[in-house]
Amino acid sequence: MGDYTGNIYEIELRKGKIVQHKRIMETDRDNGSFVSVPALSEGTLYILSDDRHLYAIDRREGTVRWKYMLKGNTGESSPVVCNDKILVCTKTGIVTILDIKKGEELWEYDTGEQIVDSPAVIKDHFYILTAKGTLFCFSEQKNKNS
């Protein structure tokens, strides 16, 4: 998990102890907080910060593999890992899908509405609920001729 001072912690739940922690970013009065619940893949932790970045942090070494600057304010929405992609929403209303290994943008959509909740993934669809109550449902468009 991350904290408001730029640290990442690994906690062993059975023993209730912090196994390791590492400072990932320097804090100042306006920036330096991790603001989301992290998403996990096999070897990487993904977490949003108030410096408008999505961080991909190596779970074993505690080093930053990559970081991606998002458009607008991050808010508290948590990223979601799905297969080889990561889905992230900003408070500004931007939905972005990135490649989890390289941090490269694969797709982006502006809802035009504030997003404060985390996305939900069900089968081959994902859902975004905006602060106004609009529910967006997205899926990969498949070519019927193939």
C-alpha atoms as a PDB file:
ATOM      1  CA  MET A   1       0.000   0.000   0.000  1.00  0.00           C
ATOM      2  CA  GLY A   2       0.996   3.619  -0.382  1.00  0.00           C
ATOM      3  CA  ASP A   3       0.713   6.581   1.952  1.00  0.00           C
ATOM      4  CA  TYR A   4       0.359  10.343   1.849  1.00  0.00           C
ATOM      5  CA  THR A   5       4.106  10.885   2.221  1.00  0.00           C
ATOM      6  CA  GLY A   6       5.284   9.031  -0.916  1.00  0.00           C
ATOM      7  CA  ASN A   7       6.078   5.666   0.705  1.00  0.00           C
ATOM      8  CA  ILE A   8       5.108   2.176  -0.430  1.00  0.00           C
ATOM      9  CA  TYR A   9       4.723  -0.607   2.154  1.00  0.00           C
ATOM     10  CA  GLU A  10       4.653  -4.378   1.896  1.00  0.00           C
ATOM     11  CA  ILE A  11       2.678  -5.883   4.772  1.00  0.00           C
ATOM     12  CA  GLU A  12       2.564  -9.532   5.766  1.00  0.00           C
ATOM     13  CA  LEU A  13      -1.066  -9.923   6.756  1.00  0.00           C
ATOM     14  CA  ARG A  14      -0.679 -13.172   8.729  1.00  0.00           C
ATOM     15  CA  LYS A  15       1.837 -11.597  11.094  1.00  0.00           C
ATOM     16  CA  GLY A  16       0.462  -8.068  10.875  1.00  0.00           C
ATOM     17  CA  LYS A  17       3.923  -6.659  10.239  1.00  0.00           C
ATOM     18  CA  ILE A  18       5.516  -4.349   7.719  1.00  0.00           C
ATOM     19  CA  VAL A  19       7.974  -6.478   5.733  1.00  0.00           C
ATOM     20  CA  GLN A  20       9.554  -3.598   3.841  1.00  0.00           C
ATOM     21  CA  HIS A  21       8.921  -0.019   2.837  1.00  0.00           C
ATOM     22  CA  LYS A  22      10.503   2.365   0.402  1.00  0.00           C
ATOM     23  CA  ARG A  23      10.171   6.063  -0.405  1.00  0.00           C
ATOM     24  CA  ILE A  24       9.138   6.310  -4.048  1.00  0.00           C
ATOM     25  CA  MET A  25       8.665  10.047  -4.418  1.00  0.00           C
ATOM     26  CA  GLU A  26       9.575  13.154  -2.499  1.00  0.00           C
ATOM     27  CA  THR A  27       6.733  15.058  -0.922  1.00  0.00           C
ATOM     28  CA  ASP A  28       6.086  18.737  -0.667  1.00  0.00           C
ATOM     29  CA  ARG A  29       3.109  20.736   0.452  1.00  0.00           C
ATOM     30  CA  ASP A  30       1.099  20.071  -2.717  1.00  0.00           C
ATOM     31  CA  ASN A  31       2.423  16.782  -4.130  1.00  0.00           C
ATOM     32  CA  GLY A  32       3.794  13.460  -3.055  1.00  0.00           C
ATOM     33  CA  SER A  33       0.818  11.406  -1.935  1.00  0.00           C
ATOM     34  CA  PHE A  34      -0.342   8.053  -3.189  1.00  0.00           C
ATOM     35  CA  VAL A  35      -4.106   8.409  -3.401  1.00  0.00           C
ATOM     36  CA  SER A  36      -5.537   5.108  -4.634  1.00  0.00           C
ATOM     37  CA  VAL A  37      -5.778   1.552  -3.529  1.00  0.00           C
ATOM     38  CA  PRO A  38      -3.075  -0.209  -5.551  1.00  0.00           C
ATOM     39  CA  ALA A  39      -3.726  -2.770  -8.248  1.00  0.00           C
ATOM     40  CA  LEU A  40      -1.418  -5.777  -8.429  1.00  0.00           C
ATOM     41  CA  SER A  41      -0.086  -7.993 -11.163  1.00  0.00           C
ATOM     42  CA  GLU A  42       2.344 -10.838 -10.581  1.00  0.00           C
ATOM     43  CA  GLY A  43       5.413  -8.655 -10.139  1.00  0.00           C
ATOM     44  CA  THR A  44       4.153  -5.077 -10.206  1.00  0.00           C
ATOM     45  CA  LEU A  45       2.126  -2.707  -8.035  1.00  0.00           C
ATOM     46  CA  TYR A  46       0.178   0.059  -9.826  1.00  0.00           C
ATOM     47  CA  ILE A  47      -0.891   3.126  -7.872  1.00  0.00           C
ATOM     48  CA  LEU A  48      -2.106   6.676  -8.581  1.00  0.00           C
ATOM     49  CA  SER A  49      -0.453   9.716  -7.071  1.00  0.00           C
ATOM     50  CA  ASP A  50      -1.532  13.289  -6.646  1.00  0.00           C
ATOM     51  CA  ASP A  51       1.280  14.351  -8.980  1.00  0.00           C
ATOM     52  CA  ARG A  52      -1.003  13.082 -11.812  1.00  0.00           C
ATOM     53  CA  HIS A  53       0.999   9.909 -12.474  1.00  0.00           C
ATOM     54  CA  LEU A  54       0.189   6.243 -12.513  1.00  0.00           C
ATOM     55  CA  TYR A  55       3.225   4.480 -11.057  1.00  0.00           C
ATOM     56  CA  ALA A  56       4.264   0.913 -11.901  1.00  0.00           C
ATOM     57  CA  ILE A  57       6.477  -0.273  -9.049  1.00  0.00           C
ATOM     58  CA  ASP A  58       8.450  -3.519  -8.976  1.00  0.00           C
ATOM     59  CA  ARG A  59       7.051  -5.471  -6.024  1.00  0.00           C
ATOM     60  CA  ARG A  60      10.318  -7.204  -5.163  1.00  0.00           C
ATOM     61  CA  GLU A  61      12.817  -4.368  -5.626  1.00  0.00           C
ATOM     62  CA  GLY A  62      10.597  -1.388  -4.829  1.00  0.00           C
ATOM     63  CA  THR A  63      11.826   0.470  -7.899  1.00  0.00           C
ATOM     64  CA  VAL A  64       9.727   2.428 -10.368  1.00  0.00           C
ATOM     65  CA  ARG A  65       9.436   0.459 -13.631  1.00  0.00           C
ATOM     66  CA  TRP A  66       7.592   3.275 -15.369  1.00  0.00           C
ATOM     67  CA  LYS A  67       5.231   6.121 -14.645  1.00  0.00           C
ATOM     68  CA  TYR A  68       2.592   7.624 -16.890  1.00  0.00           C
ATOM     69  CA  MET A  69       1.281  11.178 -16.643  1.00  0.00           C
ATOM     70  CA  LEU A  70      -2.499  11.240 -16.766  1.00  0.00           C
ATOM     71  CA  LYS A  71      -4.606  14.057 -18.117  1.00  0.00           C
ATOM     72  CA  GLY A  72      -6.256  16.025 -15.336  1.00  0.00           C
ATOM     73  CA  ASN A  73      -6.526  15.369 -11.616  1.00  0.00           C
ATOM     74  CA  THR A  74      -6.169  11.762 -10.536  1.00  0.00           C
ATOM     75  CA  GLY A  75      -8.703  11.664  -7.707  1.00  0.00           C
ATOM     76  CA  GLU A  76      -9.091   8.477  -5.656  1.00  0.00           C
ATOM     77  CA  SER A  77     -10.247   5.990  -8.299  1.00  0.00           C
ATOM     78  CA  SER A  78      -8.189   2.808  -8.154  1.00  0.00           C
ATOM     79  CA  PRO A  79      -6.590   1.279 -11.241  1.00  0.00           C
ATOM     80  CA  VAL A  80      -7.663  -2.182 -12.392  1.00  0.00           C
ATOM     81  CA  VAL A  81      -5.394  -4.813 -13.970  1.00  0.00           C
ATOM     82  CA  CYS A  82      -7.048  -6.926 -16.639  1.00  0.00           C
ATOM     83  CA  ASN A  83      -4.909  -9.413 -18.560  1.00  0.00           C
ATOM     84  CA  ASP A  84      -1.976  -7.448 -20.001  1.00  0.00           C
ATOM     85  CA  LYS A  85      -3.573  -4.032 -19.578  1.00  0.00           C
ATOM     86  CA  ILE A  86      -4.285  -1.572 -16.814  1.00  0.00           C
ATOM     87  CA  LEU A  87      -7.424   0.555 -16.733  1.00  0.00           C
ATOM     88  CA  VAL A  88      -7.352   3.892 -14.931  1.00  0.00           C
ATOM     89  CA  CYS A  89      -9.850   6.741 -14.522  1.00  0.00           C
ATOM     90  CA  THR A  90      -9.213  10.331 -13.505  1.00  0.00           C
ATOM     91  CA  LYS A  91     -11.367  12.687 -11.497  1.00  0.00           C
ATOM     92  CA  THR A  92     -11.362  14.873 -14.609  1.00  0.00           C
ATOM     93  CA  GLY A  93     -13.295  12.148 -16.488  1.00  0.00           C
ATOM     94  CA  ILE A  94     -10.592  10.578 -18.647  1.00  0.00           C
ATOM     95  CA  VAL A  95     -10.546   6.778 -18.993  1.00  0.00           C
ATOM     96  CA  THR A  96      -7.193   5.354 -20.104  1.00  0.00           C
ATOM     97  CA  ILE A  97      -6.004   1.844 -20.916  1.00  0.00           C
ATOM     98  CA  LEU A  98      -2.252   1.217 -20.803  1.00  0.00           C
ATOM     99  CA  ASP A  99       0.031  -1.702 -21.600  1.00  0.00           C
ATOM    100  CA  ILE A 100       1.123  -3.020 -18.174  1.00  0.00           C
ATOM    101  CA  LYS A 101       4.691  -3.834 -19.216  1.00  0.00           C
ATOM    102  CA  LYS A 102       5.636  -0.620 -21.030  1.00  0.00           C
ATOM    103  CA  GLY A 103       3.173   1.958 -19.670  1.00  0.00           C
ATOM    104  CA  GLU A 104       2.185   2.936 -23.192  1.00  0.00           C
ATOM    105  CA  GLU A 105      -1.279   4.310 -23.873  1.00  0.00           C
ATOM    106  CA  LEU A 106      -3.449   1.929 -25.876  1.00  0.00           C
ATOM    107  CA  TRP A 107      -6.811   3.723 -25.643  1.00  0.00           C
ATOM    108  CA  GLU A 108      -8.330   6.844 -24.116  1.00  0.00           C
ATOM    109  CA  TYR A 109     -11.848   8.243 -23.742  1.00  0.00           C
ATOM    110  CA  ASP A 110     -13.132  11.492 -22.224  1.00  0.00           C
ATOM    111  CA  THR A 111     -16.477  10.942 -20.492  1.00  0.00           C
ATOM    112  CA  GLY A 112     -16.981  14.665 -20.010  1.00  0.00           C
ATOM    113  CA  GLU A 113     -18.006  13.961 -16.403  1.00  0.00           C
ATOM    114  CA  GLN A 114     -16.143  13.628 -13.129  1.00  0.00           C
ATOM    115  CA  ILE A 115     -15.165  10.073 -12.112  1.00  0.00           C
ATOM    116  CA  VAL A 116     -14.625   9.323  -8.436  1.00  0.00           C
ATOM    117  CA  ASP A 117     -15.220   5.554  -8.353  1.00  0.00           C
ATOM    118  CA  SER A 118     -13.076   2.704  -9.586  1.00  0.00           C
ATOM    119  CA  PRO A 119     -13.891   0.892 -12.834  1.00  0.00           C
ATOM    120  CA  ALA A 120     -15.470  -2.567 -12.771  1.00  0.00           C
ATOM    121  CA  VAL A 121     -14.548  -5.329 -15.225  1.00  0.00           C
ATOM    122  CA  ILE A 122     -17.016  -8.106 -16.029  1.00  0.00           C
ATOM    123  CA  LYS A 123     -16.103 -10.643 -18.714  1.00  0.00           C
ATOM    124  CA  ASP A 124     -15.253  -8.643 -21.845  1.00  0.00           C
ATOM    125  CA  HIS A 125     -16.842  -5.356 -20.667  1.00  0.00           C
ATOM    126  CA  PHE A 126     -15.853  -2.637 -18.253  1.00  0.00           C
ATOM    127  CA  TYR A 127     -18.072  -0.133 -16.522  1.00  0.00           C
ATOM    128  CA  ILE A 128     -17.481   3.415 -15.332  1.00  0.00           C
ATOM    129  CA  LEU A 129     -19.889   5.303 -13.069  1.00  0.00           C
ATOM    130  CA  THR A 130     -19.551   9.079 -13.071  1.00  0.00           C
ATOM    131  CA  ALA A 131     -20.290  11.482 -10.235  1.00  0.00           C
ATOM    132  CA  LYS A 132     -23.442  12.576 -12.111  1.00  0.00           C
ATOM    133  CA  GLY A 133     -24.706   8.991 -12.131  1.00  0.00           C
ATOM    134  CA  THR A 134     -24.007   8.183 -15.780  1.00  0.00           C
ATOM    135  CA  LEU A 135     -23.011   4.554 -16.265  1.00  0.00           C
ATOM    136  CA  PHE A 136     -20.660   3.949 -19.187  1.00  0.00           C
ATOM    137  CA  CYS A 137     -20.223   0.425 -20.544  1.00  0.00           C
ATOM    138  CA  PHE A 138     -17.324  -0.329 -22.887  1.00  0.00           C
ATOM    139  CA  SER A 139     -16.356  -3.444 -24.800  1.00  0.00           C
ATOM    140  CA  GLU A 140     -14.022  -4.307 -27.606  1.00  0.00           C
ATOM    141  CA  GLN A 141     -15.783  -3.917 -30.930  1.00  0.00           C
ATOM    142  CA  LYS A 142     -15.460  -7.161 -32.825  1.00  0.00           C
ATOM    143  CA  ASN A 143     -15.544  -7.431 -36.574  1.00  0.00           C
ATOM    144  CA  LYS A 144     -18.527  -9.610 -37.508  1.00  0.00           C
ATOM    145  CA  ASN A 145     -16.807 -10.677 -40.750  1.00  0.00           C
ATOM    146  CA  SER A 146     -13.907 -12.395 -38.986  1.00  0.00           C
END
